[in-house]
């Protein structure tokens, strides 16, 4: 019975009567014409990728992207274009790098410096040791064995071959299966999982330096020669002392196999990187189309502008950023005069913990009570956010009536996640109706995570993530060295910009704000009679 109550029929929910307002289909006609016949979305994406490139938070490339995006919004004719800062940490960029096996035979290897690790200060050379270390408890096993070595920290594994196509679109059956209610993200279990994350990088760095290691390397998380280079020691005062690099999985395993033979390999590494400490603040870029009749109320669209540095950050997330900017251009080109202000946001620091949109929530919408747990006192805001109660709404809490996010690659919009909001779901169904022939039909009650709407949802502000065709986003592009313009799909991005612009105009002109979820309060245990796990 409890399962039946938890998983509510989508058909029943969508049949719930609501005071829905008809879509202005004449306005939709104008949006479609402007978005399909006069699109600039690919020009925007090309500038962000081919021209600027990977946009690591606080890097010179990200600073250029911040300036350029503001200039574009201004050129479109938007108002109140601004950069809103929040404390982040150090910038970091790669000048050049290389990795080469010199014995038992010469071979250039595919490698990338790990973000926010230091330079090697020239070429270093040494033998390797395969010493898998993933937790502090592993240190004792390798104590006294690492001096003068390049330490291979990952388990080599045996590789894998794909069993499904790398590129795909959702089928109708798969979209239907997505429409299942799942537990909102205020549950104690989700909070406990987030608090179990430990910053291990600095402890590992101190151990390797103490043991006299020359540098360390890790294996790429994907096969196929793909590289990532992600790292998180961006805070001032947290920079490691030892250089770290990521090797392509196939190259890493070759070294690991040779290490077991009578001809163990020798490795040369050269990593030249730069730190940028001119400004420790990162900046969200904001711009408005002013409202005419609803006071301080506004609707909002956003995507994160930052990316990793292994490639140009095309599908993650120049695609979403270009769609948001294109929606702004479309609406301004049509000279819309919405009742509510329409705000556009390009977030920063998403890749390091959804930091930019959290800073916006904390500053403008709601905050949380300070923690009374001394163990949490030194942790960053995003690490403790969901564990602190009660939520304390700010004066502008109800001004934001809807936020729409785009951050799942270049695939066309197939629908929207209603994030458990059974009152909003039928309204979204009506708003999607003009786009059924473009493939957008699904309203799912499930909630989605991992991107810039989640902290809004966590305090009860209506934030939504669109459902997009997966294409090859997760299979080979997400955070990898091939995330370039070549993998963007122009037709899909044009369709997404049209739908986003339409949703924004509908939300801005609706007589009543979109229905809200209740203000979250601290959850009670799902089973009060269950013994805690050991």
Protein backbone atom coordinates (compact mmCIF):
# COMPACT_ATOMS: atom_id res chain seq x y z
CA UNK A 1 0.00 0.00 0.00
CA UNK A 2 2.79 2.47 0.88
CA UNK A 3 4.33 1.89 -2.56
CA UNK A 4 1.00 2.68 -4.22
CA UNK A 5 0.76 5.90 -2.24
CA UNK A 6 4.34 6.93 -3.03
CA UNK A 7 4.16 6.39 -6.77
CA UNK A 8 1.14 8.33 -7.90
CA UNK A 9 -0.35 7.86 -11.32
CA UNK A 10 0.76 10.59 -13.70
CA UNK A 11 -2.55 10.44 -15.54
CA UNK A 12 -4.49 11.13 -12.35
CA UNK A 13 -2.24 14.03 -11.41
CA UNK A 14 -2.45 15.65 -14.81
CA UNK A 15 -6.24 15.35 -14.70
CA UNK A 16 -6.38 17.40 -11.48
CA UNK A 17 -8.46 20.53 -12.14
CA UNK A 18 -6.52 23.78 -12.02
CA UNK A 19 -7.19 27.34 -13.03
CA UNK A 20 -5.02 27.12 -16.15
CA UNK A 21 -4.59 30.07 -18.44
CA UNK A 22 -4.60 29.66 -22.21
CA UNK A 23 -1.30 29.98 -24.03
CA UNK A 24 -0.97 33.05 -26.25
CA UNK A 25 -0.37 31.12 -29.47
CA UNK A 26 0.02 34.25 -31.54
CA UNK A 27 3.01 35.13 -29.35
CA UNK A 28 4.26 31.56 -29.78
CA UNK A 29 4.08 32.02 -33.56
CA UNK A 30 6.39 35.03 -33.24
CA UNK A 31 8.79 33.13 -30.99
CA UNK A 32 8.94 30.21 -33.43
CA UNK A 33 9.59 32.49 -36.38
CA UNK A 34 12.32 34.43 -34.60
CA UNK A 35 13.89 31.32 -33.07
CA UNK A 36 13.93 29.15 -36.19
CA UNK A 37 14.33 31.63 -39.05
CA UNK A 38 16.61 34.19 -37.41
CA UNK A 39 18.48 32.12 -34.84
CA UNK A 40 21.87 33.16 -33.50
CA UNK A 41 22.22 30.29 -31.05
CA UNK A 42 25.03 28.56 -32.94
CA UNK A 43 26.98 31.80 -33.36
CA UNK A 44 26.76 32.27 -29.60
CA UNK A 45 27.85 28.69 -28.92
CA UNK A 46 30.74 28.99 -31.38
CA UNK A 47 32.08 32.10 -29.69
CA UNK A 48 31.96 30.47 -26.27
CA UNK A 49 33.69 27.30 -27.50
CA UNK A 50 35.92 27.89 -30.53
CA UNK A 51 36.84 31.47 -29.61
CA UNK A 52 36.99 31.47 -25.80
CA UNK A 53 37.32 27.76 -25.03
CA UNK A 54 37.14 25.95 -21.71
CA UNK A 55 35.85 28.31 -19.01
CA UNK A 56 37.26 27.15 -15.70
CA UNK A 57 35.87 29.24 -12.84
CA UNK A 58 38.06 32.34 -12.26
CA UNK A 59 40.38 31.48 -15.16
CA UNK A 60 41.29 34.13 -17.75
CA UNK A 61 38.95 32.37 -20.21
CA UNK A 62 36.06 32.61 -17.77
CA UNK A 63 36.76 36.30 -17.18
CA UNK A 64 36.58 36.83 -20.95
CA UNK A 65 33.29 34.90 -21.11
CA UNK A 66 31.85 37.03 -18.27
CA UNK A 67 32.71 40.25 -20.11
CA UNK A 68 31.49 38.97 -23.47
CA UNK A 69 28.16 37.70 -22.13
CA UNK A 70 27.43 41.07 -20.54
CA UNK A 71 28.24 42.84 -23.79
CA UNK A 72 25.90 40.48 -25.67
CA UNK A 73 23.01 41.03 -23.28
CA UNK A 74 23.56 44.78 -23.59
CA UNK A 75 23.60 44.55 -27.39
CA UNK A 76 20.29 42.64 -27.28
CA UNK A 77 18.82 45.60 -25.39
CA UNK A 78 18.34 43.99 -21.98
CA UNK A 79 18.29 46.08 -18.81
CA UNK A 80 20.21 45.96 -15.55
CA UNK A 81 23.00 43.84 -17.05
CA UNK A 82 25.40 43.08 -14.22
CA UNK A 83 28.01 40.77 -12.72
CA UNK A 84 27.16 39.67 -9.19
CA UNK A 85 30.14 38.36 -7.26
CA UNK A 86 30.53 35.68 -4.60
CA UNK A 87 33.64 34.37 -2.86
CA UNK A 88 35.22 31.44 -4.69
CA UNK A 89 39.01 31.09 -4.62
CA UNK A 90 41.91 30.77 -7.02
CA UNK A 91 41.80 30.80 -10.79
CA UNK A 92 43.84 28.18 -12.66
CA UNK A 93 44.79 27.53 -16.28
CA UNK A 94 47.00 25.18 -18.28
CA UNK A 95 49.89 26.57 -20.32
CA UNK A 96 51.21 23.25 -21.66
CA UNK A 97 51.67 19.67 -20.54
CA UNK A 98 53.04 16.33 -21.73
CA UNK A 99 53.56 12.79 -20.53
CA UNK A 100 55.95 10.30 -22.07
CA UNK A 101 57.09 6.78 -21.30
CA UNK A 102 60.86 6.61 -21.86
CA UNK A 103 61.47 2.95 -20.94
CA UNK A 104 61.18 0.15 -21.86
CA UNK A 105 60.39 2.03 -25.10
CA UNK A 106 59.61 5.66 -25.96
CA UNK A 107 55.90 6.47 -26.23
CA UNK A 108 53.92 9.71 -25.96
CA UNK A 109 50.97 9.32 -23.61
CA UNK A 110 47.62 11.11 -23.47
CA UNK A 111 47.51 13.17 -20.30
CA UNK A 112 46.15 16.35 -18.68
CA UNK A 113 47.05 18.15 -15.45
CA UNK A 114 44.48 17.73 -12.69
CA UNK A 115 42.76 21.04 -11.96
CA UNK A 116 44.31 23.23 -9.27
CA UNK A 117 47.42 21.06 -8.89
CA UNK A 118 50.78 22.86 -9.28
CA UNK A 119 53.35 22.69 -12.06
CA UNK A 120 56.13 20.11 -12.18
CA UNK A 121 58.60 23.03 -12.57
CA UNK A 122 60.11 21.54 -15.69
CA UNK A 123 60.32 17.94 -16.84
CA UNK A 124 60.54 15.34 -14.10
CA UNK A 125 61.46 11.71 -14.65
CA UNK A 126 61.14 8.64 -12.50
CA UNK A 127 60.00 5.10 -12.14
CA UNK A 128 56.37 4.37 -11.36
CA UNK A 129 54.76 2.50 -8.51
CA UNK A 130 51.18 1.26 -8.63
CA UNK A 131 49.92 2.25 -5.17
CA UNK A 132 46.10 2.48 -5.13
CA UNK A 133 45.18 4.98 -2.41
CA UNK A 134 41.59 6.14 -1.98
CA UNK A 135 41.32 6.77 1.77
CA UNK A 136 43.50 7.68 4.73
CA UNK A 137 43.47 4.06 5.91
CA UNK A 138 45.51 3.13 2.80
CA UNK A 139 48.49 5.27 3.80
CA UNK A 140 50.17 2.74 6.09
CA UNK A 141 50.37 0.11 3.34
CA UNK A 142 52.57 2.39 1.20
CA UNK A 143 54.56 4.19 3.87
CA UNK A 144 58.29 4.07 3.06
CA UNK A 145 57.79 2.81 -0.52
CA UNK A 146 57.11 5.97 -2.54
CA UNK A 147 60.32 8.00 -2.38
CA UNK A 148 61.55 9.15 -5.80
CA UNK A 149 58.55 7.55 -7.53
CA UNK A 150 55.73 8.78 -9.72
CA UNK A 151 52.79 7.28 -7.84
CA UNK A 152 49.97 5.62 -9.79
CA UNK A 153 47.03 6.14 -7.41
CA UNK A 154 44.22 4.31 -9.23
CA UNK A 155 43.30 0.66 -9.48
CA UNK A 156 44.03 -0.16 -13.15
CA UNK A 157 40.96 -2.33 -13.72
CA UNK A 158 40.53 -4.32 -16.90
CA UNK A 159 38.72 -1.90 -19.18
CA UNK A 160 35.26 -2.11 -20.62
CA UNK A 161 33.56 -2.19 -23.97
CA UNK A 162 30.32 -0.29 -24.68
CA UNK A 163 27.18 -2.39 -24.75
CA UNK A 164 24.82 0.38 -25.92
CA UNK A 165 25.04 3.00 -28.67
CA UNK A 166 26.92 6.11 -27.56
CA UNK A 167 24.35 8.39 -29.22
CA UNK A 168 20.62 8.04 -28.62
CA UNK A 169 17.34 9.88 -28.21
CA UNK A 170 14.53 9.13 -25.79
CA UNK A 171 11.83 6.84 -27.12
CA UNK A 172 8.19 7.43 -26.23
CA UNK A 173 8.30 4.41 -23.92
CA UNK A 174 11.39 5.71 -22.12
CA UNK A 175 9.81 9.12 -21.63
CA UNK A 176 6.71 7.50 -20.18
CA UNK A 177 8.87 5.53 -17.74
CA UNK A 178 10.41 8.78 -16.47
CA UNK A 179 7.04 9.99 -15.22
CA UNK A 180 7.32 8.49 -11.74
CA UNK A 181 7.05 10.43 -8.51
CA UNK A 182 10.19 10.15 -6.40
CA UNK A 183 11.13 11.41 -2.98
CA UNK A 184 11.92 15.14 -2.83
CA UNK A 185 15.52 15.95 -1.97
CA UNK A 186 14.85 17.17 1.56
CA UNK A 187 15.11 13.62 2.95
CA UNK A 188 17.53 12.90 5.83
CA UNK A 189 19.22 10.21 3.73
CA UNK A 190 20.21 12.73 1.06
CA UNK A 191 21.57 15.05 3.74
CA UNK A 192 23.59 12.28 5.37
CA UNK A 193 25.09 11.22 2.04
CA UNK A 194 26.26 14.76 1.31
CA UNK A 195 27.91 15.08 4.71
CA UNK A 196 29.88 11.86 4.22
CA UNK A 197 31.87 13.50 1.43
CA UNK A 198 35.35 14.21 2.79
CA UNK A 199 37.99 16.44 1.27
CA UNK A 200 40.67 13.80 0.91
CA UNK A 201 42.91 15.63 -1.56
CA UNK A 202 44.92 17.68 0.94
CA UNK A 203 45.53 14.74 3.26
CA UNK A 204 46.77 12.69 0.32
CA UNK A 205 49.01 15.51 -0.89
CA UNK A 206 50.61 15.90 2.54
CA UNK A 207 51.26 12.15 2.74
CA UNK A 208 52.85 11.95 -0.72
CA UNK A 209 55.09 14.96 -0.02
CA UNK A 210 56.13 13.48 3.33
CA UNK A 211 57.00 10.19 1.60
CA UNK A 212 59.17 11.89 -1.05
CA UNK A 213 57.02 11.13 -4.11
CA UNK A 214 57.87 13.07 -7.28
CA UNK A 215 54.28 13.41 -8.58
CA UNK A 216 51.13 11.37 -8.93
CA UNK A 217 48.95 10.16 -11.77
CA UNK A 218 45.44 8.75 -11.88
CA UNK A 219 43.42 6.84 -14.47
CA UNK A 220 40.72 8.51 -16.57
CA UNK A 221 37.24 7.47 -15.48
CA UNK A 222 36.32 6.63 -19.09
CA UNK A 223 37.97 4.44 -21.70
CA UNK A 224 38.42 5.46 -25.33
CA UNK A 225 41.32 7.84 -24.80
CA UNK A 226 39.08 10.40 -23.07
CA UNK A 227 40.49 12.76 -20.43
CA UNK A 228 38.83 14.91 -17.78
CA UNK A 229 41.29 16.62 -15.42
CA UNK A 230 38.66 17.59 -12.84
CA UNK A 231 39.87 18.70 -9.42
CA UNK A 232 38.54 20.68 -6.46
CA UNK A 233 41.38 22.24 -4.45
CA UNK A 234 40.46 25.75 -5.58
CA UNK A 235 40.21 27.41 -2.15
CA UNK A 236 42.86 29.91 -1.12
CA UNK A 237 45.32 28.07 1.11
CA UNK A 238 44.29 24.62 -0.12
CA UNK A 239 46.61 24.28 -3.13
CA UNK A 240 48.50 20.95 -3.16
CA UNK A 241 52.29 20.94 -3.25
CA UNK A 242 52.67 17.97 -5.60
CA UNK A 243 51.82 17.93 -9.31
CA UNK A 244 49.06 15.56 -10.39
CA UNK A 245 48.07 14.37 -13.86
CA UNK A 246 45.38 12.18 -15.36
CA UNK A 247 46.32 9.58 -17.98
CA UNK A 248 44.07 8.03 -20.59
CA UNK A 249 42.78 4.74 -19.23
CA UNK A 250 44.50 2.64 -21.89
CA UNK A 251 47.84 4.38 -21.32
CA UNK A 252 47.51 4.00 -17.55
CA UNK A 253 46.79 0.27 -17.78
CA UNK A 254 49.77 -0.26 -20.08
CA UNK A 255 52.04 1.30 -17.47
CA UNK A 256 50.45 -0.80 -14.73
CA UNK A 257 50.99 -4.03 -16.68
CA UNK A 258 54.62 -3.16 -17.42
CA UNK A 259 55.17 -2.42 -13.74
CA UNK A 260 54.61 -6.13 -13.07
CA UNK A 261 57.31 -7.25 -15.55
CA UNK A 262 61.09 -7.33 -15.55
CA UNK A 263 61.06 -4.05 -17.54
CA UNK A 264 59.20 -1.57 -15.28
CA UNK A 265 58.45 1.71 -17.01
CA UNK A 266 60.05 5.10 -16.57
CA UNK A 267 57.83 8.15 -17.00
CA UNK A 268 58.52 11.75 -17.93
CA UNK A 269 55.98 14.41 -16.92
CA UNK A 270 55.84 18.10 -17.70
CA UNK A 271 53.00 20.22 -16.38
CA UNK A 272 53.09 24.01 -16.71
CA UNK A 273 50.08 25.70 -15.14
CA UNK A 274 49.26 29.15 -13.79
CA UNK A 275 47.30 30.31 -10.78
CA UNK A 276 45.27 33.51 -10.97
CA UNK A 277 44.79 35.33 -7.68
CA UNK A 278 43.88 38.82 -8.87
CA UNK A 279 40.27 38.40 -7.74
CA UNK A 280 39.01 35.55 -5.54
CA UNK A 281 35.38 36.33 -6.41
CA UNK A 282 33.50 34.47 -9.13
CA UNK A 283 30.67 36.26 -10.91
CA UNK A 284 27.16 35.32 -11.98
CA UNK A 285 25.98 37.28 -15.02
CA UNK A 286 22.41 38.62 -14.78
CA UNK A 287 20.21 40.62 -17.16
CA UNK A 288 16.52 41.59 -17.24
CA UNK A 289 13.59 42.32 -19.48
CA UNK A 290 11.62 44.60 -17.09
CA UNK A 291 8.06 43.76 -16.11
CA UNK A 292 5.19 46.18 -16.51
CA UNK A 293 2.47 45.23 -14.03
CA UNK A 294 3.51 42.81 -11.28
CA UNK A 295 5.82 44.89 -9.12
CA UNK A 296 8.92 43.05 -7.96
CA UNK A 297 7.85 39.61 -9.23
CA UNK A 298 10.05 37.89 -11.79
CA UNK A 299 10.59 34.66 -13.67
CA UNK A 300 14.02 33.39 -14.50
CA UNK A 301 16.01 31.16 -16.85
CA UNK A 302 19.54 30.00 -16.18
CA UNK A 303 22.45 27.83 -17.23
CA UNK A 304 26.00 27.59 -15.98
CA UNK A 305 28.63 29.40 -17.99
CA UNK A 306 31.65 27.72 -16.40
CA UNK A 307 33.11 24.45 -17.66
CA UNK A 308 36.09 22.19 -17.18
CA UNK A 309 39.25 22.72 -19.17
CA UNK A 310 39.91 19.40 -20.95
CA UNK A 311 38.09 20.78 -24.00
CA UNK A 312 35.83 23.72 -24.88
CA UNK A 313 32.86 23.01 -22.62
CA UNK A 314 30.41 22.76 -25.53
CA UNK A 315 27.63 20.46 -24.35
CA UNK A 316 28.47 21.22 -20.71
CA UNK A 317 27.39 23.91 -20.76
CA UNK A 318 27.91 26.34 -23.62
CA UNK A 319 24.81 24.65 -25.06
CA UNK A 320 22.58 25.68 -22.16
CA UNK A 321 24.18 29.11 -21.90
CA UNK A 322 23.66 29.76 -25.61
CA UNK A 323 20.00 28.69 -25.34
CA UNK A 324 19.41 31.04 -22.40
CA UNK A 325 21.07 33.91 -24.28
CA UNK A 326 19.11 33.07 -27.42
CA UNK A 327 15.82 33.06 -25.49
CA UNK A 328 16.73 36.54 -24.24
CA UNK A 329 17.51 37.68 -27.77
CA UNK A 330 14.26 36.24 -29.16
CA UNK A 331 12.04 37.90 -26.57
CA UNK A 332 13.81 41.23 -26.86
CA UNK A 333 13.67 41.10 -30.68
CA UNK A 334 9.89 40.65 -30.37
CA UNK A 335 9.77 43.67 -28.04
CA UNK A 336 7.71 41.79 -25.46
CA UNK A 337 6.35 43.73 -22.51
CA UNK A 338 5.76 41.04 -19.89
CA UNK A 339 3.76 41.60 -16.73
CA UNK A 340 6.59 40.22 -14.61
CA UNK A 341 10.29 40.85 -15.13
CA UNK A 342 12.09 38.09 -17.03
CA UNK A 343 15.59 37.53 -15.67
CA UNK A 344 18.40 35.62 -17.36
CA UNK A 345 21.26 34.10 -15.36
CA UNK A 346 24.58 32.62 -16.42
CA UNK A 347 25.88 30.91 -13.31
CA UNK A 348 29.48 30.46 -12.24
CA UNK A 349 31.15 27.75 -10.15
CA UNK A 350 28.54 25.10 -10.96
CA UNK A 351 31.20 22.50 -11.63
CA UNK A 352 32.73 22.95 -8.18
CA UNK A 353 29.48 22.44 -6.27
CA UNK A 354 26.63 24.52 -7.79
CA UNK A 355 28.16 27.50 -6.04
CA UNK A 356 26.88 30.43 -8.12
CA UNK A 357 23.19 29.64 -7.95
CA UNK A 358 23.53 28.80 -4.23
CA UNK A 359 25.09 32.23 -3.67
CA UNK A 360 22.08 33.79 -5.45
CA UNK A 361 19.61 31.80 -3.32
CA UNK A 362 21.45 32.68 -0.12
CA UNK A 363 21.63 36.39 -0.99
CA UNK A 364 18.18 37.00 -2.50
CA UNK A 365 15.75 34.21 -1.63
CA UNK A 366 16.36 32.28 1.58
CA UNK A 367 19.11 31.20 3.90
CA UNK A 368 19.39 28.55 6.57
CA UNK A 369 20.06 28.80 10.27
CA UNK A 370 23.71 28.42 11.32
CA UNK A 371 24.76 24.92 12.30
CA UNK A 372 25.23 24.10 15.97
CA UNK A 373 27.47 21.15 15.11
CA UNK A 374 31.17 22.07 15.64
CA UNK A 375 32.17 19.34 13.17
CA UNK A 376 30.46 21.29 10.40
CA UNK A 377 31.84 24.72 11.28
CA UNK A 378 34.78 24.60 8.85
CA UNK A 379 32.87 23.20 5.90
CA UNK A 380 31.72 25.30 2.95
CA UNK A 381 28.14 26.53 2.65
CA UNK A 382 27.21 24.02 -0.06
CA UNK A 383 28.45 21.09 2.04
CA UNK A 384 26.23 21.89 5.03
CA UNK A 385 23.28 23.62 3.33
CA UNK A 386 20.76 20.79 3.54
CA UNK A 387 21.63 19.87 7.11
CA UNK A 388 20.74 23.26 8.61
CA UNK A 389 17.21 24.01 9.79
CA UNK A 390 15.04 26.00 9.75
CA UNK A 391 14.93 27.69 6.34
CA UNK A 392 14.69 31.45 6.75
CA UNK A 393 13.01 33.19 3.78
CA UNK A 394 14.36 36.59 2.78
CA UNK A 395 12.26 39.59 1.77
CA UNK A 396 12.47 38.57 -1.91
CA UNK A 397 11.48 34.95 -1.33
CA UNK A 398 8.13 35.12 -3.13
CA UNK A 399 9.28 37.50 -5.85
CA UNK A 400 10.78 34.65 -7.90
CA UNK A 401 7.72 32.79 -9.18
CA UNK A 402 9.46 30.30 -11.51
CA UNK A 403 13.00 29.31 -12.50
CA UNK A 404 13.81 27.17 -15.57
CA UNK A 405 17.22 25.53 -15.95
CA UNK A 406 19.02 24.00 -18.93
CA UNK A 407 22.06 21.81 -18.31
CA UNK A 408 21.91 18.39 -19.95
CA UNK A 409 23.79 18.88 -23.19
CA UNK A 410 22.80 19.70 -26.75
CA UNK A 411 19.70 17.50 -26.99
CA UNK A 412 16.32 18.98 -27.80
CA UNK A 413 13.78 19.55 -25.05
CA UNK A 414 11.41 16.58 -24.74
CA UNK A 415 9.55 17.87 -21.68
CA UNK A 416 10.07 19.15 -18.17
CA UNK A 417 10.53 17.72 -14.68
CA UNK A 418 7.81 19.17 -12.44
CA UNK A 419 9.89 18.32 -9.34
CA UNK A 420 6.97 16.71 -7.53
CA UNK A 421 4.75 19.77 -7.93
CA UNK A 422 1.40 18.18 -8.76
CA UNK A 423 -0.28 21.59 -9.06
CA UNK A 424 2.22 22.90 -11.65
CA UNK A 425 2.24 19.73 -13.79
CA UNK A 426 -1.04 20.33 -15.70
CA UNK A 427 -0.04 23.93 -16.39
CA UNK A 428 3.22 22.75 -17.94
CA UNK A 429 1.26 20.23 -20.01
CA UNK A 430 -0.72 23.10 -21.51
CA UNK A 431 2.42 25.16 -22.15
CA UNK A 432 4.05 22.25 -23.98
CA UNK A 433 1.05 21.58 -26.21
CA UNK A 434 2.14 23.92 -29.07
CA UNK A 435 5.45 22.02 -29.29
CA UNK A 436 4.19 18.45 -29.53
CA UNK A 437 5.15 18.31 -33.21
CA UNK A 438 8.69 19.34 -32.18
CA UNK A 439 8.94 16.35 -29.85
CA UNK A 440 8.25 18.08 -26.50
CA UNK A 441 5.33 16.37 -24.77
CA UNK A 442 6.38 14.95 -21.40
CA UNK A 443 5.66 16.42 -17.98
CA UNK A 444 7.32 14.23 -15.36
CA UNK A 445 6.67 14.51 -11.64
CA UNK A 446 10.14 13.24 -10.79
CA UNK A 447 12.72 15.57 -9.32
CA UNK A 448 16.14 15.94 -10.89
CA UNK A 449 19.43 16.89 -9.31
CA UNK A 450 23.00 17.93 -9.91
CA UNK A 451 22.49 21.38 -11.39
CA UNK A 452 21.46 24.96 -10.72
CA UNK A 453 17.80 24.57 -9.79
CA UNK A 454 18.43 22.26 -6.83
CA UNK A 455 19.13 24.86 -4.14
CA UNK A 456 16.02 26.76 -5.21
CA UNK A 457 13.97 23.60 -4.85
CA UNK A 458 15.62 22.90 -1.50
CA UNK A 459 14.07 26.06 -0.03
CA UNK A 460 10.70 25.71 -1.76
CA UNK A 461 11.28 28.13 -4.66
CA UNK A 462 9.80 26.72 -7.90
CA UNK A 463 12.85 25.63 -9.90
CA UNK A 464 12.62 23.24 -12.85
CA UNK A 465 15.01 21.33 -15.12
CA UNK A 466 13.97 20.49 -18.69
CA UNK A 467 14.11 16.93 -20.00
CA UNK A 468 16.48 16.73 -22.97
CA UNK A 469 17.45 14.01 -25.40
CA UNK A 470 20.60 12.38 -24.00
CA UNK A 471 22.48 12.15 -27.34
CA UNK A 472 26.09 11.29 -26.33
CA UNK A 473 26.21 13.62 -23.33
CA UNK A 474 26.79 11.04 -20.60
CA UNK A 475 28.40 8.35 -22.73
CA UNK A 476 31.43 10.30 -23.93
CA UNK A 477 31.14 14.11 -23.73
CA UNK A 478 30.37 15.11 -20.15
CA UNK A 479 33.54 16.78 -18.74
CA UNK A 480 35.78 15.16 -21.38
CA UNK A 481 38.50 16.15 -23.82
CA UNK A 482 36.17 15.91 -26.83
CA UNK A 483 33.44 18.26 -25.55
CA UNK A 484 33.76 20.60 -28.53
CA UNK A 485 31.48 22.50 -30.90
CA UNK A 486 31.36 19.52 -33.30
CA UNK A 487 28.95 17.74 -30.95
CA UNK A 488 26.37 20.54 -30.77
CA UNK A 489 23.12 19.97 -32.68
CA UNK A 490 21.83 23.19 -34.23
CA UNK A 491 18.24 22.04 -34.79
CA UNK A 492 17.99 20.84 -31.20
CA UNK A 493 19.35 24.07 -29.74
CA UNK A 494 16.99 26.19 -31.85
CA UNK A 495 14.03 24.11 -30.65
CA UNK A 496 15.16 24.45 -27.02
CA UNK A 497 15.50 28.23 -27.27
CA UNK A 498 11.98 28.52 -28.72
CA UNK A 499 10.45 26.43 -25.94
CA UNK A 500 12.40 28.21 -23.20
CA UNK A 501 11.34 31.64 -24.52
CA UNK A 502 7.72 30.50 -24.63
CA UNK A 503 7.81 29.10 -21.07
CA UNK A 504 9.30 32.34 -19.79
CA UNK A 505 6.66 34.47 -21.47
CA UNK A 506 3.86 32.22 -20.22
CA UNK A 507 5.17 32.36 -16.66
CA UNK A 508 5.73 36.11 -16.82
CA UNK A 509 2.21 36.85 -18.12
CA UNK A 510 0.18 34.34 -16.11
CA UNK A 511 -2.40 36.07 -13.95
CA UNK A 512 -1.40 34.09 -10.86
CA UNK A 513 2.11 32.92 -9.96
CA UNK A 514 2.85 29.26 -10.59
CA UNK A 515 1.77 27.09 -7.66
CA UNK A 516 4.49 26.63 -5.06
CA UNK A 517 5.46 23.68 -2.93
CA UNK A 518 5.28 24.16 0.86
CA UNK A 519 8.27 25.73 2.58
CA UNK A 520 10.39 22.69 3.48
CA UNK A 521 10.77 21.81 7.13
CA UNK A 522 13.08 19.26 8.73
CA UNK A 523 11.88 15.80 7.63
CA UNK A 524 10.88 13.12 10.10
CA UNK A 525 12.38 9.63 9.70
CA UNK A 526 10.69 7.60 6.98
CA UNK A 527 10.54 4.60 9.32
CA UNK A 528 10.79 5.60 13.01
CA UNK A 529 11.01 1.93 14.07
CA UNK A 530 13.98 1.03 11.86
CA UNK A 531 17.24 0.41 13.70
CA UNK A 532 20.11 2.63 12.48
CA UNK A 533 22.74 1.01 10.30
CA UNK A 534 26.12 0.21 11.85
